[in-house]
Amino acid sequence: MKSLLGLFLLVGTLNGCAIVYQQDIQQGNFLNEEKINLVELGMTREQVAFALGTPMVNDPFNTDRWDYTYSLDSRRQKLYAVKRVTIHFDNQDHVREIEQQD
C-alpha cells in the first residue's frame, strides 16, 4: 500500500513538472530593423541575399518576389508574433519595393 501511494505521489509530482517549462518555438528568418535597413531600392538579388540571407521558401509562381517570414510562439508568455518582409524585384533583378508587416 505504501509503495502504491509513493507511486501516485511520484507520478503526480512529475506530471506537475511537465507544465512548468515550455520552450519557445521560433521559425523562419529572424530579421531585426538593422538588417532590414541594409536593403535599399536598386540592390541586386545577390546583395539582398548577402544582407538578409535567402528566404526559407521560394515561390515558383512569382520569381520577382522574396518573402521572409518569422514567427514566435511563446506559450510561457502567451505570445504569438509573426513578422513578414517582402522584397519585390524588377525585370532586371533589382529591388523595386520593400514591404514590412508585423
Protein backbone atom coordinates (compact mmCIF):
# COMPACT_ATOMS: atom_id res chain seq x y z
CA MET A 1 0.00 0.00 0.00
CA LYS A 2 2.84 2.39 0.83
CA SER A 3 4.54 1.69 -2.49
CA LEU A 4 1.31 2.39 -4.38
CA LEU A 5 0.89 5.69 -2.54
CA GLY A 6 4.54 6.55 -3.28
CA LEU A 7 3.97 5.77 -6.96
CA PHE A 8 0.94 8.09 -7.12
CA LEU A 9 2.90 10.88 -5.43
CA LEU A 10 5.81 10.41 -7.83
CA VAL A 11 3.57 10.44 -10.90
CA GLY A 12 1.67 13.48 -9.61
CA THR A 13 4.92 15.33 -8.95
CA LEU A 14 6.37 14.50 -12.37
CA ASN A 15 3.12 15.44 -14.09
CA GLY A 16 3.22 18.85 -12.43
CA CYS A 17 6.82 19.41 -13.56
CA ALA A 18 5.93 18.78 -17.18
CA ILE A 19 3.96 22.03 -17.46
CA VAL A 20 6.44 24.27 -15.64
CA TYR A 21 8.66 24.95 -18.66
CA GLN A 22 7.53 25.19 -22.26
CA GLN A 23 10.10 26.03 -24.88
CA ASP A 24 9.59 28.93 -27.29
CA ILE A 25 9.12 27.89 -30.91
CA GLN A 26 10.81 30.12 -33.47
CA GLN A 27 10.50 29.54 -37.21
CA GLY A 28 11.70 31.32 -40.31
CA ASN A 29 14.15 34.15 -40.95
CA PHE A 30 14.67 36.40 -37.93
CA LEU A 31 15.28 39.91 -39.25
CA ASN A 32 15.74 42.90 -36.98
CA GLU A 33 15.33 46.50 -38.13
CA GLU A 34 19.09 46.92 -38.51
CA LYS A 35 19.27 44.11 -41.08
CA ILE A 36 16.14 45.23 -42.92
CA ASN A 37 17.54 48.76 -43.21
CA LEU A 38 20.55 47.35 -45.10
CA VAL A 39 18.29 46.67 -48.09
CA GLU A 40 17.85 49.61 -50.43
CA LEU A 41 16.00 50.16 -53.68
CA GLY A 42 18.12 49.21 -56.68
CA MET A 43 20.11 46.48 -54.93
CA THR A 44 20.63 43.21 -56.80
CA ARG A 45 19.36 39.80 -55.66
CA GLU A 46 22.91 38.84 -54.67
CA GLN A 47 23.25 41.92 -52.48
CA VAL A 48 19.92 41.20 -50.78
CA ALA A 49 20.90 37.57 -50.21
CA PHE A 50 24.19 38.74 -48.68
CA ALA A 51 22.42 41.19 -46.35
CA LEU A 52 19.40 39.08 -45.32
CA GLY A 53 20.15 35.55 -46.44
CA THR A 54 17.90 33.66 -48.80
CA PRO A 55 14.21 33.26 -47.98
CA MET A 56 13.07 29.98 -46.39
CA VAL A 57 10.66 29.21 -49.25
CA ASN A 58 10.85 30.32 -52.87
CA ASP A 59 7.58 30.97 -54.68
CA PRO A 60 7.76 29.10 -58.00
CA PHE A 61 4.87 31.18 -59.40
CA ASN A 62 6.34 34.60 -58.62
CA THR A 63 10.12 34.70 -59.03
CA ASP A 64 10.21 38.50 -58.67
CA ARG A 65 9.21 38.33 -55.02
CA TRP A 66 11.08 37.09 -51.94
CA ASP A 67 9.13 36.59 -48.71
CA TYR A 68 10.92 36.48 -45.38
CA THR A 69 8.64 35.25 -42.59
CA TYR A 70 9.41 34.84 -38.91
CA SER A 71 7.09 33.52 -36.23
CA LEU A 72 7.50 33.17 -32.48
CA ASP A 73 5.18 31.05 -30.35
CA SER A 74 5.87 31.58 -26.65
CA ARG A 75 3.37 29.74 -24.50
CA ARG A 76 5.09 30.83 -21.30
CA GLN A 77 4.47 34.49 -22.19
CA LYS A 78 1.18 33.77 -24.02
CA LEU A 79 2.58 35.43 -27.11
CA TYR A 80 2.31 34.62 -30.80
CA ALA A 81 4.03 37.03 -33.17
CA VAL A 82 4.53 37.00 -36.92
CA LYS A 83 6.72 39.38 -38.91
CA ARG A 84 6.90 39.45 -42.69
CA VAL A 85 9.25 41.28 -45.02
CA THR A 86 8.64 41.07 -48.76
CA ILE A 87 11.21 42.18 -51.32
CA HIS A 88 9.95 42.83 -54.87
CA PHE A 89 12.38 42.79 -57.79
CA ASP A 90 12.00 44.37 -61.21
CA ASN A 91 12.71 42.69 -64.58
CA GLN A 92 16.43 43.36 -64.21
CA ASP A 93 16.69 41.71 -60.76
CA HIS A 94 16.93 44.95 -58.79
CA VAL A 95 14.89 45.78 -55.67
CA ARG A 96 11.87 47.92 -56.61
CA GLU A 97 9.84 47.69 -53.38
CA ILE A 98 10.25 46.64 -49.74
CA GLU A 99 7.17 45.74 -47.66
CA GLN A 100 7.02 45.10 -43.92
CA GLN A 101 4.12 43.61 -41.98
CA ASP A 102 4.00 42.99 -38.24
